Amino acid sequence: MVVSLGRRAIEGLDNTDTTEQTRITKTSIMPNTKSAEKRLRQNKKRRLHNKTIKSSLKTNLRKVREAIASEQDADSVDTAFRNVVKSLDRAAAKRVIHPNAAARLKSRLSSKMKAAKASA
């Protein structure tokens, strides 16, 4: 069954931009209760905190990988590796990343270090 909207209705649909009106963004979510407002504030705060921790983790991991690839002296690689392990353990303990993900990253880095030491 086909329903005719008429010429004016069709012209009206062409002129209005419904995507802007119906677009829902993360910032436009409004909580309905006081407890939901507090939860939203807490989530924003925690998200920013976790983001900074993850960012520093990625930077430290990159530094260790670059140190291994550039074949720097063993002491600098070892200290960088110890710092990464410490930050991975701390992030896993605070559940910023999954503990298995931390263990996997540590294992992969240590095997790369051992391979680099064996080849040197």
C-alpha atoms as a PDB file:
ATOM      1  CA  MET A   1       0.000   0.000   0.000  1.00  0.00           C
ATOM      2  CA  VAL A   2       1.459   3.367  -1.070  1.00  0.00           C
ATOM      3  CA  VAL A   3       0.610   6.531   0.845  1.00  0.00           C
ATOM      4  CA  SER A   4       0.925   9.856  -0.919  1.00  0.00           C
ATOM      5  CA  LEU A   5       2.339  12.634   1.247  1.00  0.00           C
ATOM      6  CA  GLY A   6       1.495  15.432  -1.150  1.00  0.00           C
ATOM      7  CA  ARG A   7       3.754  17.959  -2.828  1.00  0.00           C
ATOM      8  CA  ARG A   8       4.211  20.292   0.170  1.00  0.00           C
ATOM      9  CA  ALA A   9       5.200  17.490   2.553  1.00  0.00           C
ATOM     10  CA  ILE A  10       7.819  16.210   0.126  1.00  0.00           C
ATOM     11  CA  GLU A  11       9.210  19.723  -0.413  1.00  0.00           C
ATOM     12  CA  GLY A  12       9.318  20.251   3.344  1.00  0.00           C
ATOM     13  CA  LEU A  13      11.377  17.084   3.811  1.00  0.00           C
ATOM     14  CA  ASP A  14      13.916  18.311   1.295  1.00  0.00           C
ATOM     15  CA  ASN A  15      14.415  21.629   3.077  1.00  0.00           C
ATOM     16  CA  THR A  16      14.857  20.351   6.644  1.00  0.00           C
ATOM     17  CA  ASP A  17      18.039  18.741   7.819  1.00  0.00           C
ATOM     18  CA  THR A  18      16.922  15.979  10.158  1.00  0.00           C
ATOM     19  CA  THR A  19      20.417  14.622  10.786  1.00  0.00           C
ATOM     20  CA  GLU A  20      21.355  17.558  13.020  1.00  0.00           C
ATOM     21  CA  GLN A  21      18.148  17.268  15.008  1.00  0.00           C
ATOM     22  CA  THR A  22      18.322  13.536  15.588  1.00  0.00           C
ATOM     23  CA  ARG A  23      22.070  13.229  16.128  1.00  0.00           C
ATOM     24  CA  ILE A  24      22.863  12.076  19.647  1.00  0.00           C
ATOM     25  CA  THR A  25      26.329  12.701  20.968  1.00  0.00           C
ATOM     26  CA  LYS A  26      27.975  11.544  24.148  1.00  0.00           C
ATOM     27  CA  THR A  27      27.872  15.036  25.598  1.00  0.00           C
ATOM     28  CA  SER A  28      24.146  15.455  25.005  1.00  0.00           C
ATOM     29  CA  ILE A  29      23.133  12.630  27.329  1.00  0.00           C
ATOM     30  CA  MET A  30      21.279  14.108  30.261  1.00  0.00           C
ATOM     31  CA  PRO A  31      20.811  12.066  33.417  1.00  0.00           C
ATOM     32  CA  ASN A  32      17.370  11.932  34.977  1.00  0.00           C
ATOM     33  CA  THR A  33      18.278  11.524  38.646  1.00  0.00           C
ATOM     34  CA  LYS A  34      20.789  13.005  41.072  1.00  0.00           C
ATOM     35  CA  SER A  35      22.584   9.702  41.404  1.00  0.00           C
ATOM     36  CA  ALA A  36      22.829   9.417  37.610  1.00  0.00           C
ATOM     37  CA  GLU A  37      24.316  12.930  37.471  1.00  0.00           C
ATOM     38  CA  LYS A  38      26.945  11.955  40.017  1.00  0.00           C
ATOM     39  CA  ARG A  39      27.688   8.730  38.156  1.00  0.00           C
ATOM     40  CA  LEU A  40      28.165  10.712  34.934  1.00  0.00           C
ATOM     41  CA  ARG A  41      30.599  13.080  36.678  1.00  0.00           C
ATOM     42  CA  GLN A  42      32.521  10.132  38.116  1.00  0.00           C
ATOM     43  CA  ASN A  43      32.655   8.361  34.770  1.00  0.00           C
ATOM     44  CA  LYS A  44      34.052  11.452  33.033  1.00  0.00           C
ATOM     45  CA  LYS A  45      36.686  11.870  35.730  1.00  0.00           C
ATOM     46  CA  ARG A  46      37.698   8.206  35.643  1.00  0.00           C
ATOM     47  CA  ARG A  47      37.746   8.122  31.839  1.00  0.00           C
ATOM     48  CA  LEU A  48      40.197  11.039  31.743  1.00  0.00           C
ATOM     49  CA  HIS A  49      42.365   9.457  34.443  1.00  0.00           C
ATOM     50  CA  ASN A  50      42.441   6.083  32.684  1.00  0.00           C
ATOM     51  CA  LYS A  51      43.202   7.805  29.385  1.00  0.00           C
ATOM     52  CA  THR A  52      46.312   9.474  30.821  1.00  0.00           C
ATOM     53  CA  ILE A  53      47.521   6.197  32.319  1.00  0.00           C
ATOM     54  CA  LYS A  54      47.013   4.332  29.031  1.00  0.00           C
ATOM     55  CA  SER A  55      48.748   7.091  27.110  1.00  0.00           C
ATOM     56  CA  SER A  56      51.825   6.992  29.343  1.00  0.00           C
ATOM     57  CA  LEU A  57      51.839   3.189  29.119  1.00  0.00           C
ATOM     58  CA  LYS A  58      51.888   3.352  25.322  1.00  0.00           C
ATOM     59  CA  THR A  59      54.706   5.903  25.417  1.00  0.00           C
ATOM     60  CA  ASN A  60      56.790   3.745  27.761  1.00  0.00           C
ATOM     61  CA  LEU A  61      56.154   0.641  25.648  1.00  0.00           C
ATOM     62  CA  ARG A  62      57.231   2.524  22.540  1.00  0.00           C
ATOM     63  CA  LYS A  63      60.424   3.673  24.251  1.00  0.00           C
ATOM     64  CA  VAL A  64      61.334   0.098  25.208  1.00  0.00           C
ATOM     65  CA  ARG A  65      60.626  -1.188  21.701  1.00  0.00           C
ATOM     66  CA  GLU A  66      62.735   1.587  20.193  1.00  0.00           C
ATOM     67  CA  ALA A  67      65.557   0.883  22.652  1.00  0.00           C
ATOM     68  CA  ILE A  68      65.500  -2.793  21.709  1.00  0.00           C
ATOM     69  CA  ALA A  69      65.370  -2.023  17.991  1.00  0.00           C
ATOM     70  CA  SER A  70      68.198   0.537  18.148  1.00  0.00           C
ATOM     71  CA  GLU A  71      70.358  -1.961  20.067  1.00  0.00           C
ATOM     72  CA  GLN A  72      71.254   0.438  22.871  1.00  0.00           C
ATOM     73  CA  ASP A  73      73.362  -0.682  25.791  1.00  0.00           C
ATOM     74  CA  ALA A  74      71.805  -3.369  27.973  1.00  0.00           C
ATOM     75  CA  ASP A  75      71.561  -1.165  31.066  1.00  0.00           C
ATOM     76  CA  SER A  76      69.301   1.443  29.456  1.00  0.00           C
ATOM     77  CA  VAL A  77      67.088  -1.265  27.949  1.00  0.00           C
ATOM     78  CA  ASP A  78      66.837  -3.039  31.305  1.00  0.00           C
ATOM     79  CA  THR A  79      65.882   0.117  33.182  1.00  0.00           C
ATOM     80  CA  ALA A  80      63.291   1.026  30.551  1.00  0.00           C
ATOM     81  CA  PHE A  81      61.909  -2.516  30.712  1.00  0.00           C
ATOM     82  CA  ARG A  82      61.692  -2.399  34.522  1.00  0.00           C
ATOM     83  CA  ASN A  83      59.822   0.912  34.349  1.00  0.00           C
ATOM     84  CA  VAL A  84      57.349  -0.528  31.843  1.00  0.00           C
ATOM     85  CA  VAL A  85      56.780  -3.649  33.930  1.00  0.00           C
ATOM     86  CA  LYS A  86      56.154  -1.515  36.990  1.00  0.00           C
ATOM     87  CA  SER A  87      53.652   0.709  35.169  1.00  0.00           C
ATOM     88  CA  LEU A  88      51.937  -2.309  33.556  1.00  0.00           C
ATOM     89  CA  ASP A  89      51.549  -4.001  36.935  1.00  0.00           C
ATOM     90  CA  ARG A  90      50.187  -0.812  38.474  1.00  0.00           C
ATOM     91  CA  ALA A  91      47.684  -0.309  35.631  1.00  0.00           C
ATOM     92  CA  ALA A  92      46.581  -3.941  35.867  1.00  0.00           C
ATOM     93  CA  ALA A  93      46.153  -3.701  39.634  1.00  0.00           C
ATOM     94  CA  LYS A  94      43.936  -0.649  39.207  1.00  0.00           C
ATOM     95  CA  ARG A  95      42.054  -2.420  36.382  1.00  0.00           C
ATOM     96  CA  VAL A  96      42.892   0.269  33.843  1.00  0.00           C
ATOM     97  CA  ILE A  97      43.943  -2.601  31.598  1.00  0.00           C
ATOM     98  CA  HIS A  98      43.156  -6.271  31.975  1.00  0.00           C
ATOM     99  CA  PRO A  99      45.738  -8.219  34.003  1.00  0.00           C
ATOM    100  CA  ASN A 100      46.092 -10.765  31.203  1.00  0.00           C
ATOM    101  CA  ALA A 101      46.841  -7.959  28.745  1.00  0.00           C
ATOM    102  CA  ALA A 102      49.595  -6.710  31.058  1.00  0.00           C
ATOM    103  CA  ALA A 103      51.035 -10.210  31.361  1.00  0.00           C
ATOM    104  CA  ARG A 104      50.910 -10.655  27.583  1.00  0.00           C
ATOM    105  CA  LEU A 105      52.723  -7.360  26.959  1.00  0.00           C
ATOM    106  CA  LYS A 106      55.387  -8.154  29.552  1.00  0.00           C
ATOM    107  CA  SER A 107      55.942 -11.593  28.042  1.00  0.00           C
ATOM    108  CA  ARG A 108      56.294 -10.243  24.524  1.00  0.00           C
ATOM    109  CA  LEU A 109      58.706  -7.533  25.614  1.00  0.00           C
ATOM    110  CA  SER A 110      60.870  -9.932  27.606  1.00  0.00           C
ATOM    111  CA  SER A 111      61.070 -12.349  24.685  1.00  0.00           C
ATOM    112  CA  LYS A 112      62.122  -9.476  22.396  1.00  0.00           C
ATOM    113  CA  MET A 113      64.766  -8.465  24.921  1.00  0.00           C
ATOM    114  CA  LYS A 114      66.108 -12.001  25.162  1.00  0.00           C
ATOM    115  CA  ALA A 115      66.237 -12.299  21.366  1.00  0.00           C
ATOM    116  CA  ALA A 116      68.074  -8.979  21.119  1.00  0.00           C
ATOM    117  CA  LYS A 117      70.570 -10.034  23.818  1.00  0.00           C
ATOM    118  CA  ALA A 118      71.160 -13.373  22.102  1.00  0.00           C
ATOM    119  CA  SER A 119      71.825 -11.723  18.748  1.00  0.00           C
ATOM    120  CA  ALA A 120      74.169  -9.122  20.259  1.00  0.00           C
END
